[in-house]
Amino acid sequence: MSSINYSEKIPNNVNLSEDRTLQRALEHWQPNYRKWWNEMGPDGSQDFDVYLRTATSVDPQGWASFGYVKMPDYRWGIFLNPRDAERQVNFGEHKGEKAWQDVPGEHRANLRRIIVTQGDTEPASVEQQRHLGLTAPSMYDLRNLFQVNVEEGRHLWAMVYLLHKHFGRDGREEAEALLERNSGDEDNPRILAAFNEKTPDWLSFYMFTYFTDRDGKFQLCALAESGFDPLARTTKFMLTEEAHHMFVGESGVSRVIQRTCEVMNQLKTDDAARLREAGVIDLETIQRYLNFHFSVTIDLFGADESSNAATFYNTGLKGRYEETKRDDDHKLYDRTYNVLAVQDGRLVERSVPMLNALNEVLRDDYIKDSVGGVNRWNKVIEKAGIAFRLKTPHKAFNRSIGTLSGVFVSPEGTMMSEAEWVKRERDWLPTHEDRAFVASLMGRVVEPGKFANWIAPPVMGINRQPVDFEYVRFN
């Protein structure tokens, strides 16, 4: 189960050849996927030889190999963690029952909805990032972009396998629809709003892979607790790949900050205009990008009170982050949780049944985790001897979902009128001028070991290769 069969048309560790009907269905879907990749994947990159990692096993001690691959020939496949025959449902009304190997009929619609929503995010991010390769700040970064892209493609395969295997004709139709929706398409957009936003520049990409891929981590962790065992096993292996995506984001922003601090000290200035003239991104602009990506991402967790979240938990479909490490009864009937509300023009906390507040529980876990990386960015600034500090904004800031939607709140958590918000918005969120300036820096640098002026080199290369390694061969 841990090793992957690469001799088959679709690499897998699920004995696909033993289920000929399923194998034919997936082989029928495969050309449509390749067509989508060629049309909506990384622009102008089809002939590049890219130094990529490819999963060879689900054993955490040695699960991937590295080598040059043309991306259209990447061996996308279906990989599940090994089955634990003793695994049980660990939460909700089915707690203590054996984990399900097949979809319980009464939970079919909700499980399909969960899988489709997760699956839709994977190709969406590839579509959002498809033009970034044309403005890469280095060959090292270009390779990291392509690695993220091919793995998001593999995560789509993971969800499509579950749809085909367990949901019959409905699943096959949903799998086709995953290739028909497109990020930002007016007529047929992606399901979640954050995946219809543009990713127009590399600062946006790094923020996206830090903040939005971290949402992916938390959603996958919650699904890895599922009583539906094939979903749990699928998402556990996806998490192994997801870690690199967040590394790309955190280290990318850190390197942007490092370069800005170097120039601030060279010029002995914190004046944004002078720093922009010197071709680096001022810290205030980085803060505004942070505010935007953080606030858009925490909306992905859904409304602060949700009967759907309660149903998913109670029926054993989707748990909490690190469910089995929590010290409670894992049923939550008598537990409460505080959510934010607006009362008499101010933000107040209100206690609600925890089952209805599980989106908020996951959002708060995410926020705690996100702050860790921001603190590490601040250590770069502190080490440079600069007094500025980055901060995550208040969770009521710039929200578009739930009770906080349409409420005007500063990054510090102060309620205000719409007129006050309009006056201050440009201080807190990227302006058209900010985005135009960042876009003006985006020129392609692809000579091995060379980096754009606005970003510092990494400390080390990929897979113990030197930083100036030829990560992409352009042929």
Protein backbone atom coordinates (compact mmCIF):
# COMPACT_ATOMS: atom_id res chain seq x y z
CA MET A 1 0.00 0.00 0.00
CA SER A 2 2.84 2.43 0.76
CA SER A 3 4.58 2.07 -2.64
CA ILE A 4 3.14 3.51 -5.83
CA ASN A 5 2.68 1.62 -9.09
CA TYR A 6 4.09 3.78 -11.90
CA SER A 7 3.72 1.10 -14.57
CA GLU A 8 0.03 1.91 -15.02
CA LYS A 9 -1.39 4.73 -17.11
CA ILE A 10 -2.57 6.40 -13.89
CA PRO A 11 0.02 5.96 -11.08
CA ASN A 12 -1.69 4.73 -7.92
CA ASN A 13 -1.42 2.72 -4.74
CA VAL A 14 -5.11 1.68 -4.67
CA ASN A 15 -4.87 -1.39 -6.97
CA LEU A 16 -6.74 0.48 -9.67
CA SER A 17 -6.21 -2.31 -12.22
CA GLU A 18 -8.46 -4.57 -10.13
CA ASP A 19 -11.46 -2.30 -10.75
CA ARG A 20 -11.69 -2.10 -14.53
CA THR A 21 -14.85 0.03 -14.58
CA LEU A 22 -13.28 2.67 -12.34
CA GLN A 23 -10.01 2.50 -14.23
CA ARG A 24 -11.76 3.11 -17.57
CA ALA A 25 -13.75 6.02 -16.11
CA LEU A 26 -10.61 7.72 -14.80
CA GLU A 27 -8.71 7.04 -18.03
CA HIS A 28 -11.61 8.72 -19.84
CA TRP A 29 -11.29 11.75 -17.52
CA GLN A 30 -7.49 11.92 -17.90
CA PRO A 31 -7.39 13.49 -21.41
CA ASN A 32 -9.83 16.18 -20.28
CA TYR A 33 -7.54 16.92 -17.35
CA ARG A 34 -4.51 17.18 -19.67
CA LYS A 35 -6.47 19.51 -21.96
CA TRP A 36 -7.35 21.68 -18.96
CA TRP A 37 -3.70 21.71 -17.86
CA ASN A 38 -2.47 22.74 -21.33
CA GLU A 39 -5.07 25.51 -21.57
CA MET A 40 -5.21 26.77 -17.97
CA GLY A 41 -1.93 25.59 -16.39
CA PRO A 42 1.36 27.55 -16.27
CA ASP A 43 1.55 29.78 -19.33
CA GLY A 44 4.19 29.00 -21.95
CA SER A 45 5.89 26.29 -19.91
CA GLN A 46 4.93 23.06 -21.64
CA ASP A 47 8.39 22.28 -23.03
CA PHE A 48 10.42 23.20 -19.94
CA ASP A 49 12.33 20.47 -18.08
CA VAL A 50 11.65 21.28 -14.42
CA TYR A 51 13.46 19.86 -11.40
CA LEU A 52 10.41 18.52 -9.56
CA ARG A 53 9.68 16.10 -6.78
CA THR A 54 7.32 13.24 -7.58
CA ALA A 55 5.63 11.06 -4.98
CA THR A 56 7.00 7.51 -5.04
CA SER A 57 5.58 6.25 -1.74
CA VAL A 58 3.33 7.35 1.10
CA ASP A 59 6.01 6.39 3.62
CA PRO A 60 6.92 9.66 5.39
CA GLN A 61 10.57 8.53 5.64
CA GLY A 62 11.11 8.57 1.87
CA TRP A 63 8.02 9.51 -0.07
CA ALA A 64 9.40 11.47 -3.04
CA SER A 65 12.14 11.54 -5.65
CA PHE A 66 13.54 14.55 -7.55
CA GLY A 67 14.33 14.84 -11.23
CA TYR A 68 13.70 16.76 -14.43
CA VAL A 69 10.15 16.45 -15.80
CA LYS A 70 8.16 18.23 -18.48
CA MET A 71 5.05 19.31 -16.61
CA PRO A 72 2.51 17.87 -19.08
CA ASP A 73 4.29 14.51 -18.53
CA TYR A 74 4.19 14.77 -14.72
CA ARG A 75 2.91 11.50 -13.23
CA TRP A 76 -0.24 12.74 -11.53
CA GLY A 77 -1.82 9.91 -9.63
CA ILE A 78 -3.92 8.59 -6.76
CA PHE A 79 -2.22 8.03 -3.42
CA LEU A 80 -3.86 7.16 -0.10
CA ASN A 81 -2.23 6.56 3.25
CA PRO A 82 -2.33 2.90 4.34
CA ARG A 83 -5.59 1.66 5.82
CA ASP A 84 -5.81 1.05 9.56
CA ALA A 85 -8.25 -1.83 9.96
CA GLU A 86 -8.92 -0.81 13.57
CA ARG A 87 -9.69 2.85 12.85
CA GLN A 88 -12.93 4.20 14.32
CA VAL A 89 -15.10 7.26 13.91
CA ASN A 90 -13.67 9.55 16.59
CA PHE A 91 -16.41 12.15 17.03
CA GLY A 92 -20.11 12.89 16.66
CA GLU A 93 -23.07 10.57 17.03
CA HIS A 94 -21.17 7.67 15.37
CA LYS A 95 -18.19 7.92 17.77
CA GLY A 96 -16.77 4.47 18.49
CA GLU A 97 -18.15 2.83 15.33
CA LYS A 98 -15.77 1.36 12.75
CA ALA A 99 -14.68 3.93 10.18
CA TRP A 100 -16.67 3.63 6.94
CA GLN A 101 -15.04 2.24 3.79
CA ASP A 102 -18.12 3.09 1.71
CA VAL A 103 -20.31 6.19 1.72
CA PRO A 104 -23.25 5.85 4.12
CA GLY A 105 -26.38 6.52 2.06
CA GLU A 106 -27.78 9.11 4.46
CA HIS A 107 -24.55 11.15 4.28
CA ARG A 108 -23.99 10.85 0.53
CA ALA A 109 -25.06 14.38 -0.46
CA ASN A 110 -23.08 16.10 2.31
CA LEU A 111 -19.93 14.08 1.64
CA ARG A 112 -20.13 14.83 -2.07
CA ARG A 113 -20.51 18.53 -1.30
CA ILE A 114 -17.45 18.49 1.00
CA ILE A 115 -15.30 16.68 -1.59
CA VAL A 116 -16.41 18.88 -4.49
CA THR A 117 -15.76 22.09 -2.53
CA GLN A 118 -12.27 20.93 -1.54
CA GLY A 119 -11.59 19.63 -5.07
CA ASP A 120 -12.63 22.92 -6.64
CA THR A 121 -9.92 24.87 -4.82
CA GLU A 122 -7.10 22.79 -6.32
CA PRO A 123 -7.38 23.69 -10.03
CA ALA A 124 -8.56 27.18 -9.07
CA SER A 125 -5.18 28.12 -7.57
CA VAL A 126 -3.37 26.82 -10.67
CA GLU A 127 -5.60 29.06 -12.81
CA GLN A 128 -4.99 32.05 -10.53
CA GLN A 129 -1.22 31.61 -10.84
CA ARG A 130 -0.92 30.63 -14.50
CA HIS A 131 0.81 33.84 -15.69
CA LEU A 132 3.25 34.21 -12.79
CA GLY A 133 5.99 32.22 -14.52
CA LEU A 134 6.36 35.06 -17.02
CA THR A 135 7.56 37.41 -14.25
CA ALA A 136 9.50 35.05 -11.94
CA PRO A 137 12.10 36.78 -9.74
CA SER A 138 14.50 33.83 -10.10
CA MET A 139 14.84 30.33 -11.51
CA TYR A 140 14.61 28.99 -7.94
CA ASP A 141 11.24 30.71 -7.44
CA LEU A 142 10.01 29.64 -10.86
CA ARG A 143 10.70 26.02 -9.97
CA ASN A 144 8.85 26.42 -6.64
CA LEU A 145 5.83 27.87 -8.44
CA PHE A 146 5.75 24.89 -10.81
CA GLN A 147 6.07 22.45 -7.90
CA VAL A 148 3.08 24.03 -6.18
CA ASN A 149 1.13 23.91 -9.44
CA VAL A 150 1.73 20.23 -10.23
CA GLU A 151 0.87 19.24 -6.66
CA GLU A 152 -2.36 21.22 -6.72
CA GLY A 153 -3.10 19.26 -9.90
CA ARG A 154 -2.42 16.01 -8.05
CA HIS A 155 -4.73 17.10 -5.24
CA LEU A 156 -7.46 17.52 -7.84
CA TRP A 157 -6.81 13.91 -8.91
CA ALA A 158 -7.17 12.83 -5.28
CA MET A 159 -10.66 14.33 -5.02
CA VAL A 160 -11.70 13.11 -8.48
CA TYR A 161 -10.76 9.54 -7.53
CA LEU A 162 -13.10 9.73 -4.52
CA LEU A 163 -15.91 11.12 -6.69
CA HIS A 164 -15.50 8.41 -9.33
CA LYS A 165 -14.99 5.57 -6.87
CA HIS A 166 -17.78 6.33 -4.42
CA PHE A 167 -20.45 8.51 -6.09
CA GLY A 168 -21.30 6.84 -9.40
CA ARG A 169 -22.75 8.97 -12.20
CA ASP A 170 -23.17 11.99 -9.89
CA GLY A 171 -19.48 11.78 -9.03
CA ARG A 172 -18.42 11.54 -12.67
CA GLU A 173 -20.49 14.61 -13.53
CA GLU A 174 -19.00 16.54 -10.61
CA ALA A 175 -15.51 15.54 -11.76
CA GLU A 176 -16.20 16.96 -15.23
CA ALA A 177 -17.58 20.16 -13.69
CA LEU A 178 -14.32 20.64 -11.76
CA LEU A 179 -12.61 21.19 -15.12
CA GLU A 180 -15.41 23.37 -16.52
CA ARG A 181 -15.44 26.05 -13.81
CA ASN A 182 -12.63 28.62 -14.08
CA SER A 183 -11.22 31.08 -11.57
CA GLY A 184 -12.75 34.52 -12.08
CA ASP A 185 -15.06 33.38 -14.89
CA GLU A 186 -18.17 35.58 -14.90
CA ASP A 187 -20.48 32.79 -16.05
CA ASN A 188 -18.93 29.75 -14.36
CA PRO A 189 -16.64 30.81 -11.48
CA ARG A 190 -15.00 28.70 -8.80
CA ILE A 191 -17.13 27.91 -5.74
CA LEU A 192 -15.27 29.98 -3.10
CA ALA A 193 -14.75 33.72 -3.51
CA ALA A 194 -11.04 33.76 -2.56
CA PHE A 195 -10.34 31.42 -5.48
CA ASN A 196 -11.81 33.91 -7.94
CA GLU A 197 -9.41 36.68 -6.87
CA LYS A 198 -6.49 37.48 -9.15
CA THR A 199 -2.92 36.55 -8.17
CA PRO A 200 -1.29 39.23 -10.32
CA ASP A 201 2.20 39.44 -8.82
CA TRP A 202 4.71 37.48 -6.76
CA LEU A 203 4.04 39.28 -3.47
CA SER A 204 0.41 38.19 -3.87
CA PHE A 205 1.60 34.65 -4.66
CA TYR A 206 3.74 34.45 -1.53
CA MET A 207 0.90 35.82 0.60
CA PHE A 208 -1.52 33.37 -1.03
CA THR A 209 0.71 30.36 -0.41
CA TYR A 210 1.29 31.46 3.18
CA PHE A 211 -2.26 32.40 4.14
CA THR A 212 -4.61 30.66 1.72
CA ASP A 213 -2.68 27.38 1.46
CA ARG A 214 -2.67 27.42 5.26
CA ASP A 215 -6.46 27.43 5.11
CA GLY A 216 -6.01 24.35 2.93
CA LYS A 217 -3.92 22.78 5.67
CA PHE A 218 -6.63 23.32 8.27
CA GLN A 219 -9.44 22.12 6.02
CA LEU A 220 -7.43 19.01 5.12
CA CYS A 221 -6.64 18.36 8.80
CA ALA A 222 -10.36 18.53 9.62
CA LEU A 223 -11.16 16.15 6.73
CA ALA A 224 -8.33 13.81 7.80
CA GLU A 225 -10.43 13.16 10.93
CA SER A 226 -13.43 12.06 8.83
CA GLY A 227 -15.28 8.86 9.64
CA PHE A 228 -15.27 8.21 5.86
CA ASP A 229 -11.91 6.46 5.80
CA PRO A 230 -10.95 6.91 2.11
CA LEU A 231 -11.33 10.69 2.52
CA ALA A 232 -9.26 10.68 5.71
CA ARG A 233 -6.49 8.62 4.11
CA THR A 234 -6.47 10.78 0.97
CA THR A 235 -6.21 14.08 2.82
CA LYS A 236 -3.49 12.85 5.18
CA PHE A 237 -1.16 12.32 2.24
CA MET A 238 -2.18 15.64 0.67
CA LEU A 239 -0.99 17.33 3.88
CA THR A 240 2.53 15.94 3.26
CA GLU A 241 2.67 17.87 -0.02
CA GLU A 242 0.89 20.98 1.33
CA ALA A 243 3.72 21.74 3.78
CA HIS A 244 6.02 22.79 0.93
CA HIS A 245 3.42 25.23 -0.40
CA MET A 246 3.30 27.07 2.93
CA PHE A 247 7.11 27.05 3.06
CA VAL A 248 7.18 28.76 -0.35
CA GLY A 249 4.88 31.48 1.00
CA GLU A 250 6.55 32.03 4.35
CA SER A 251 10.10 32.02 3.00
CA GLY A 252 9.08 34.16 0.01
CA VAL A 253 7.61 36.94 2.15
CA SER A 254 10.58 36.66 4.51
CA ARG A 255 13.01 37.18 1.62
CA VAL A 256 11.04 40.22 0.38
CA ILE A 257 11.21 41.69 3.89
CA GLN A 258 14.91 40.90 4.19
CA ARG A 259 15.73 42.71 0.96
CA THR A 260 13.63 45.74 1.94
CA CYS A 261 15.40 45.93 5.31
CA GLU A 262 18.81 45.72 3.61
CA VAL A 263 17.96 48.72 1.42
CA MET A 264 16.44 50.63 4.36
CA ASN A 265 19.74 50.27 6.20
CA GLN A 266 21.83 51.07 3.13
CA LEU A 267 19.86 54.27 2.47
CA LYS A 268 19.25 54.96 6.17
CA THR A 269 15.58 55.68 5.49
CA ASP A 270 12.10 54.34 6.11
CA ASP A 271 10.52 56.69 3.59
CA ALA A 272 8.26 54.62 1.33
CA ALA A 273 8.81 56.85 -1.71
CA ARG A 274 12.60 56.58 -1.50
CA LEU A 275 12.43 52.83 -1.00
CA ARG A 276 10.19 52.47 -4.04
CA GLU A 277 12.63 54.56 -6.05
CA ALA A 278 15.30 52.06 -4.98
CA GLY A 279 13.15 49.22 -6.36
CA VAL A 280 12.04 47.44 -3.17
CA ILE A 281 8.63 47.00 -1.53
CA ASP A 282 8.17 49.19 1.54
CA LEU A 283 7.01 47.52 4.76
CA GLU A 284 3.75 49.49 4.85
CA THR A 285 2.76 48.03 1.48
CA ILE A 286 3.67 44.54 2.69
CA GLN A 287 1.39 45.13 5.70
CA ARG A 288 -1.49 46.13 3.41
CA TYR A 289 -1.02 42.99 1.32
CA LEU A 290 -0.94 40.96 4.53
CA ASN A 291 -4.21 42.58 5.70
CA PHE A 292 -5.92 41.75 2.41
CA HIS A 293 -4.84 38.13 2.13
CA PHE A 294 -5.45 37.36 5.79
CA SER A 295 -8.98 38.81 5.77
CA VAL A 296 -9.98 37.17 2.49
CA THR A 297 -8.64 33.83 3.71
CA ILE A 298 -10.41 33.76 7.09
CA ASP A 299 -13.69 34.19 5.20
CA LEU A 300 -13.02 30.76 3.66
CA PHE A 301 -13.90 29.13 6.97
CA GLY A 302 -17.52 30.17 6.49
CA ALA A 303 -20.13 31.80 8.70
CA ASP A 304 -19.33 32.01 12.42
CA GLU A 305 -22.55 30.09 13.16
CA SER A 306 -23.38 27.26 10.79
CA SER A 307 -25.90 24.44 10.97
CA ASN A 308 -24.00 22.73 8.14
CA ALA A 309 -20.80 22.66 10.23
CA ALA A 310 -22.80 21.16 13.11
CA THR A 311 -24.26 18.52 10.79
CA PHE A 312 -20.88 17.62 9.28
CA TYR A 313 -19.43 17.14 12.77
CA ASN A 314 -22.38 15.39 14.35
CA THR A 315 -22.55 12.89 11.49
CA GLY A 316 -18.80 12.15 11.62
CA LEU A 317 -17.94 13.67 8.23
CA LYS A 318 -15.59 16.51 9.23
CA GLY A 319 -13.83 16.91 12.57
CA ARG A 320 -11.91 19.69 14.24
CA TYR A 321 -8.22 20.41 13.79
CA GLU A 322 -6.34 17.73 15.76
CA GLU A 323 -9.63 16.25 16.93
CA THR A 324 -8.14 13.21 18.67
CA LYS A 325 -5.72 15.37 20.70
CA ARG A 326 -8.57 17.34 22.30
CA ASP A 327 -9.61 16.58 25.83
CA ASP A 328 -13.41 16.51 25.66
CA ASP A 329 -16.22 14.06 24.86
CA HIS A 330 -15.98 14.68 21.05
CA LYS A 331 -19.76 15.08 20.89
CA LEU A 332 -20.00 18.67 22.17
CA TYR A 333 -23.73 18.64 22.96
CA ASP A 334 -23.22 20.69 26.15
CA ARG A 335 -20.24 22.79 25.05
CA THR A 336 -20.38 26.48 24.12
CA TYR A 337 -18.01 28.79 22.24
CA ASN A 338 -17.70 32.57 21.95
CA VAL A 339 -18.33 34.27 18.62
CA LEU A 340 -18.25 37.96 17.75
CA ALA A 341 -21.41 39.99 17.24
CA VAL A 342 -22.29 43.67 16.89
CA GLN A 343 -24.34 45.21 19.68
CA ASP A 344 -25.09 48.92 20.12
CA GLY A 345 -22.41 49.84 17.61
CA ARG A 346 -19.61 47.81 19.17
CA LEU A 347 -18.13 44.33 18.92
CA VAL A 348 -19.12 41.93 21.70
CA GLU A 349 -18.58 38.25 22.38
CA ARG A 350 -21.60 36.01 22.54
CA SER A 351 -21.74 32.42 23.75
CA VAL A 352 -23.35 29.93 21.34
CA PRO A 353 -23.53 26.11 21.14
CA MET A 354 -20.09 24.88 20.07
CA LEU A 355 -21.58 22.54 17.45
CA ASN A 356 -22.92 25.59 15.60
CA ALA A 357 -19.63 27.48 16.03
CA LEU A 358 -17.23 24.90 14.57
CA ASN A 359 -16.31 27.13 11.63
CA GLU A 360 -15.22 29.74 14.19
CA VAL A 361 -13.28 27.12 16.17
CA LEU A 362 -11.33 26.17 13.04
CA ARG A 363 -10.85 29.84 12.09
CA ASP A 364 -9.43 30.64 15.54
CA ASP A 365 -7.05 27.66 15.32
CA TYR A 366 -5.94 28.96 11.91
CA ILE A 367 -5.38 32.49 13.25
CA LYS A 368 -3.14 31.20 16.05
CA ASP A 369 -1.09 29.24 13.53
CA SER A 370 -0.85 32.18 11.10
CA VAL A 371 0.50 34.52 13.78
CA GLY A 372 3.53 32.24 14.21
CA GLY A 373 4.81 32.95 10.70
CA VAL A 374 4.16 36.68 11.05
CA ASN A 375 6.25 36.64 14.24
CA ARG A 376 9.06 34.97 12.30
CA TRP A 377 8.85 37.72 9.65
CA ASN A 378 9.14 40.27 12.46
CA LYS A 379 12.35 38.61 13.64
CA VAL A 380 13.87 39.44 10.23
CA ILE A 381 12.90 43.10 10.72
CA GLU A 382 14.11 43.08 14.33
CA LYS A 383 17.45 41.53 13.33
CA ALA A 384 17.90 44.39 10.86
CA GLY A 385 17.44 46.87 13.72
CA ILE A 386 14.23 48.38 12.35
CA ALA A 387 11.37 49.30 14.70
CA PHE A 388 8.48 48.41 12.34
CA ARG A 389 6.39 45.31 13.18
CA LEU A 390 3.89 43.45 10.98
CA LYS A 391 0.57 42.38 12.53
CA THR A 392 -2.38 40.25 11.56
CA PRO A 393 -5.51 42.43 11.56
CA HIS A 394 -8.47 41.90 13.86
CA LYS A 395 -10.63 39.01 12.69
CA ALA A 396 -13.59 41.37 12.14
CA PHE A 397 -11.57 43.44 9.63
CA ASN A 398 -12.70 43.44 5.98
CA ARG A 399 -15.04 40.49 6.34
CA SER A 400 -17.58 39.42 3.69
CA ILE A 401 -19.19 36.37 5.32
CA GLY A 402 -21.33 35.83 8.44
CA THR A 403 -22.47 38.35 11.03
CA LEU A 404 -19.37 40.51 10.44
CA SER A 405 -20.10 40.96 6.74
CA GLY A 406 -20.61 44.62 5.93
CA VAL A 407 -19.37 45.74 9.36
CA PHE A 408 -16.69 48.45 9.22
CA VAL A 409 -13.84 47.59 11.58
CA SER A 410 -10.24 48.83 11.66
CA PRO A 411 -7.28 46.40 11.76
CA GLU A 412 -7.09 47.13 15.50
CA GLY A 413 -10.74 46.12 16.00
CA THR A 414 -12.39 49.54 16.27
CA MET A 415 -15.92 49.89 14.88
CA MET A 416 -16.48 52.86 12.59
CA SER A 417 -18.93 54.36 10.12
CA GLU A 418 -18.80 53.61 6.41
CA ALA A 419 -17.64 57.19 5.77
CA GLU A 420 -14.72 56.75 8.18
CA TRP A 421 -13.85 53.42 6.55
CA VAL A 422 -13.80 54.95 3.07
CA LYS A 423 -11.38 57.64 4.32
CA ARG A 424 -9.01 55.13 5.90
CA GLU A 425 -9.29 52.11 3.60
CA ARG A 426 -6.25 53.07 1.53
CA ASP A 427 -4.13 52.97 4.71
CA TRP A 428 -5.12 49.37 5.36
CA LEU A 429 -5.66 47.57 2.04
CA PRO A 430 -3.58 47.60 -1.16
CA THR A 431 -4.45 50.56 -3.34
CA HIS A 432 -4.45 50.65 -7.12
CA GLU A 433 -1.15 52.56 -6.83
CA ASP A 434 0.33 49.87 -4.57
CA ARG A 435 -0.60 47.11 -6.99
CA ALA A 436 0.69 49.10 -9.97
CA PHE A 437 4.02 49.69 -8.20
CA VAL A 438 4.44 46.03 -7.25
CA ALA A 439 3.50 45.04 -10.81
CA SER A 440 6.18 47.41 -12.14
CA LEU A 441 8.84 45.38 -10.28
CA MET A 442 7.80 42.11 -11.88
CA GLY A 443 10.46 41.46 -14.50
CA ARG A 444 11.59 37.93 -15.31
CA VAL A 445 14.96 36.84 -13.91
CA VAL A 446 15.89 33.30 -14.90
CA GLU A 447 19.69 33.09 -15.03
CA PRO A 448 20.74 30.48 -12.44
CA GLY A 449 21.75 32.13 -9.16
CA LYS A 450 20.43 35.59 -10.12
CA PHE A 451 17.54 37.27 -8.26
CA ALA A 452 15.34 40.30 -8.86
CA ASN A 453 16.38 43.41 -6.92
CA TRP A 454 13.29 43.34 -4.67
CA ILE A 455 13.88 39.89 -3.12
CA ALA A 456 16.81 38.30 -1.26
CA PRO A 457 18.19 34.88 -2.26
CA PRO A 458 17.16 31.87 -0.15
CA VAL A 459 19.52 30.45 2.46
CA MET A 460 19.71 27.09 0.66
CA GLY A 461 18.52 25.38 -2.51
CA ILE A 462 16.01 22.58 -3.09
CA ASN A 463 16.87 18.99 -2.16
CA ARG A 464 20.41 19.96 -1.09
CA GLN A 465 21.15 21.49 -4.50
CA PRO A 466 23.00 24.83 -4.59
CA VAL A 467 20.98 28.03 -4.93
CA ASP A 468 22.45 28.59 -8.43
CA PHE A 469 21.42 25.11 -9.62
CA GLU A 470 19.68 24.95 -13.02
CA TYR A 471 16.21 24.22 -11.63
CA VAL A 472 14.51 24.84 -14.99
CA ARG A 473 15.84 23.98 -18.45
CA PHE A 474 14.09 26.11 -21.03
CA ASN A 475 15.05 24.05 -24.08
